[in-house]
N, C-alpha and C. Protein backbone atom coordinates (compact mmCIF):
# COMPACT_ATOMS: atom_id res chain seq x y z
N UNK A 1 1.28 5.30 -8.39
CA UNK A 1 1.96 6.50 -7.99
C UNK A 1 2.12 7.38 -9.22
N UNK A 2 1.52 8.55 -9.19
CA UNK A 2 1.59 9.47 -10.32
C UNK A 2 2.72 10.46 -10.11
N UNK A 3 3.45 10.73 -11.18
CA UNK A 3 4.47 11.76 -11.14
C UNK A 3 4.06 12.85 -12.12
N UNK A 4 4.05 14.08 -11.64
CA UNK A 4 3.67 15.17 -12.52
C UNK A 4 4.80 15.47 -13.49
N UNK A 5 4.50 16.17 -14.55
CA UNK A 5 5.50 16.56 -15.51
C UNK A 5 6.53 17.50 -14.92
N UNK A 6 6.24 18.05 -13.75
CA UNK A 6 7.13 19.00 -13.10
C UNK A 6 7.94 18.35 -11.98
N UNK A 7 8.07 17.04 -11.97
CA UNK A 7 8.81 16.38 -10.89
C UNK A 7 10.29 16.74 -10.98
N UNK A 8 10.94 16.77 -9.85
CA UNK A 8 12.36 17.10 -9.74
C UNK A 8 13.11 15.91 -9.18
N UNK A 9 14.38 15.88 -9.44
CA UNK A 9 15.23 14.79 -8.95
C UNK A 9 15.91 15.23 -7.66
N UNK A 10 16.07 14.27 -6.73
CA UNK A 10 16.72 14.52 -5.44
C UNK A 10 17.75 13.43 -5.22
N UNK A 11 18.99 13.82 -5.08
CA UNK A 11 20.06 12.84 -4.82
C UNK A 11 20.23 12.70 -3.30
N UNK A 12 20.28 11.46 -2.85
CA UNK A 12 20.42 11.17 -1.43
C UNK A 12 21.53 10.15 -1.23
N UNK A 13 22.44 10.43 -0.35
CA UNK A 13 23.52 9.48 -0.03
C UNK A 13 23.13 8.72 1.23
N UNK A 14 23.26 7.40 1.18
CA UNK A 14 22.95 6.55 2.33
C UNK A 14 24.04 5.50 2.49
N UNK A 15 24.13 4.95 3.70
CA UNK A 15 25.13 3.91 3.92
C UNK A 15 24.56 2.53 3.56
N UNK A 16 25.40 1.53 3.66
CA UNK A 16 25.01 0.17 3.25
C UNK A 16 23.81 -0.37 4.02
N UNK A 17 23.66 0.01 5.29
CA UNK A 17 22.53 -0.51 6.07
C UNK A 17 21.20 0.01 5.51
N UNK A 18 21.19 1.27 5.05
CA UNK A 18 19.99 1.81 4.42
C UNK A 18 19.69 1.08 3.12
N UNK A 19 20.73 0.85 2.30
CA UNK A 19 20.53 0.15 1.04
C UNK A 19 20.00 -1.26 1.26
N UNK A 20 20.51 -1.93 2.27
CA UNK A 20 20.03 -3.28 2.58
C UNK A 20 18.56 -3.26 2.99
N UNK A 21 18.19 -2.28 3.82
CA UNK A 21 16.80 -2.17 4.25
C UNK A 21 15.89 -1.83 3.07
N UNK A 22 16.35 -0.95 2.19
CA UNK A 22 15.57 -0.59 1.01
C UNK A 22 15.39 -1.81 0.11
N UNK A 23 16.47 -2.57 -0.10
CA UNK A 23 16.38 -3.76 -0.95
C UNK A 23 15.46 -4.82 -0.34
N UNK A 24 15.48 -4.97 0.98
CA UNK A 24 14.57 -5.92 1.63
C UNK A 24 13.12 -5.49 1.41
N UNK A 25 12.85 -4.20 1.52
CA UNK A 25 11.49 -3.69 1.31
C UNK A 25 11.07 -3.87 -0.14
N UNK A 26 12.00 -3.73 -1.08
CA UNK A 26 11.70 -3.94 -2.50
C UNK A 26 11.19 -5.35 -2.73
N UNK A 27 11.88 -6.33 -2.15
CA UNK A 27 11.48 -7.73 -2.31
C UNK A 27 10.13 -7.97 -1.64
N UNK A 28 9.95 -7.41 -0.44
CA UNK A 28 8.69 -7.56 0.30
C UNK A 28 7.51 -7.01 -0.51
N UNK A 29 7.67 -5.82 -1.06
CA UNK A 29 6.58 -5.19 -1.80
C UNK A 29 6.35 -5.82 -3.17
N UNK A 30 7.38 -6.45 -3.72
CA UNK A 30 7.24 -7.05 -5.05
C UNK A 30 6.21 -8.17 -5.06
N UNK A 31 6.02 -8.82 -3.94
CA UNK A 31 5.06 -9.93 -3.87
C UNK A 31 3.64 -9.46 -4.12
N UNK A 32 3.31 -8.25 -3.71
CA UNK A 32 1.97 -7.72 -3.91
C UNK A 32 1.84 -6.88 -5.17
N UNK A 33 2.97 -6.43 -5.71
CA UNK A 33 2.93 -5.53 -6.86
C UNK A 33 3.10 -6.26 -8.19
N UNK A 34 3.66 -7.45 -8.17
CA UNK A 34 3.87 -8.18 -9.40
C UNK A 34 5.19 -7.88 -10.07
N UNK A 35 5.88 -6.84 -9.63
CA UNK A 35 7.21 -6.52 -10.13
C UNK A 35 8.00 -5.90 -8.98
N UNK A 36 9.31 -5.86 -9.15
CA UNK A 36 10.16 -5.32 -8.09
C UNK A 36 10.24 -3.80 -8.25
N UNK A 37 9.79 -3.04 -7.25
CA UNK A 37 9.89 -1.59 -7.33
C UNK A 37 11.35 -1.15 -7.27
N UNK A 38 11.63 -0.01 -7.83
CA UNK A 38 13.00 0.52 -7.81
C UNK A 38 13.32 1.07 -6.42
N UNK A 39 14.60 1.30 -6.19
CA UNK A 39 15.00 1.94 -4.94
C UNK A 39 14.35 3.32 -4.84
N UNK A 40 14.28 4.02 -5.96
CA UNK A 40 13.64 5.34 -5.98
C UNK A 40 12.18 5.25 -5.56
N UNK A 41 11.49 4.21 -6.04
CA UNK A 41 10.09 4.01 -5.65
C UNK A 41 9.96 3.86 -4.14
N UNK A 42 10.85 3.07 -3.54
CA UNK A 42 10.80 2.83 -2.09
C UNK A 42 11.05 4.12 -1.32
N UNK A 43 12.06 4.88 -1.73
CA UNK A 43 12.37 6.14 -1.06
C UNK A 43 11.20 7.12 -1.22
N UNK A 44 10.60 7.17 -2.40
CA UNK A 44 9.46 8.05 -2.66
C UNK A 44 8.28 7.67 -1.76
N UNK A 45 7.98 6.38 -1.66
CA UNK A 45 6.89 5.91 -0.81
C UNK A 45 7.15 6.27 0.65
N UNK A 46 8.39 6.06 1.10
CA UNK A 46 8.74 6.36 2.49
C UNK A 46 8.59 7.85 2.78
N UNK A 47 9.04 8.69 1.85
CA UNK A 47 8.91 10.13 2.06
C UNK A 47 7.45 10.57 2.05
N UNK A 48 6.66 10.01 1.15
CA UNK A 48 5.23 10.35 1.11
C UNK A 48 4.56 10.00 2.43
N UNK A 49 4.89 8.84 2.98
CA UNK A 49 4.28 8.43 4.25
C UNK A 49 4.78 9.29 5.40
N UNK A 50 6.08 9.58 5.44
CA UNK A 50 6.65 10.39 6.51
C UNK A 50 6.08 11.81 6.48
N UNK A 51 5.96 12.36 5.28
CA UNK A 51 5.48 13.74 5.13
C UNK A 51 3.95 13.80 5.04
N UNK A 52 3.30 12.65 5.07
CA UNK A 52 1.85 12.52 5.00
C UNK A 52 1.31 13.21 3.75
N UNK A 53 1.92 12.86 2.62
CA UNK A 53 1.51 13.41 1.32
C UNK A 53 0.82 12.31 0.53
N UNK A 54 -0.33 12.65 -0.04
CA UNK A 54 -1.05 11.70 -0.88
C UNK A 54 -0.79 12.09 -2.33
N UNK A 55 0.06 11.32 -3.06
CA UNK A 55 0.39 11.70 -4.43
C UNK A 55 -0.81 11.64 -5.38
N UNK A 56 -1.83 10.89 -5.02
CA UNK A 56 -3.02 10.76 -5.88
C UNK A 56 -3.87 12.03 -5.86
N UNK A 57 -3.69 12.87 -4.83
CA UNK A 57 -4.52 14.07 -4.70
C UNK A 57 -3.96 15.26 -5.45
N UNK A 58 -2.82 15.10 -6.10
CA UNK A 58 -2.20 16.23 -6.83
C UNK A 58 -2.80 16.39 -8.19
């Protein structure tokens, strides 16, 4: 996942059920990635998929 030098920060408030789901996905994805992705990584991946954005094409 590439981040451009012009990336911006976005603060998002979520409840405990969202955090639990994000943490479960972190553990699930860590098995294939070799390290545990951050919560920010998971939210970024989810937004890219929802918005159908390919970060590699930027």
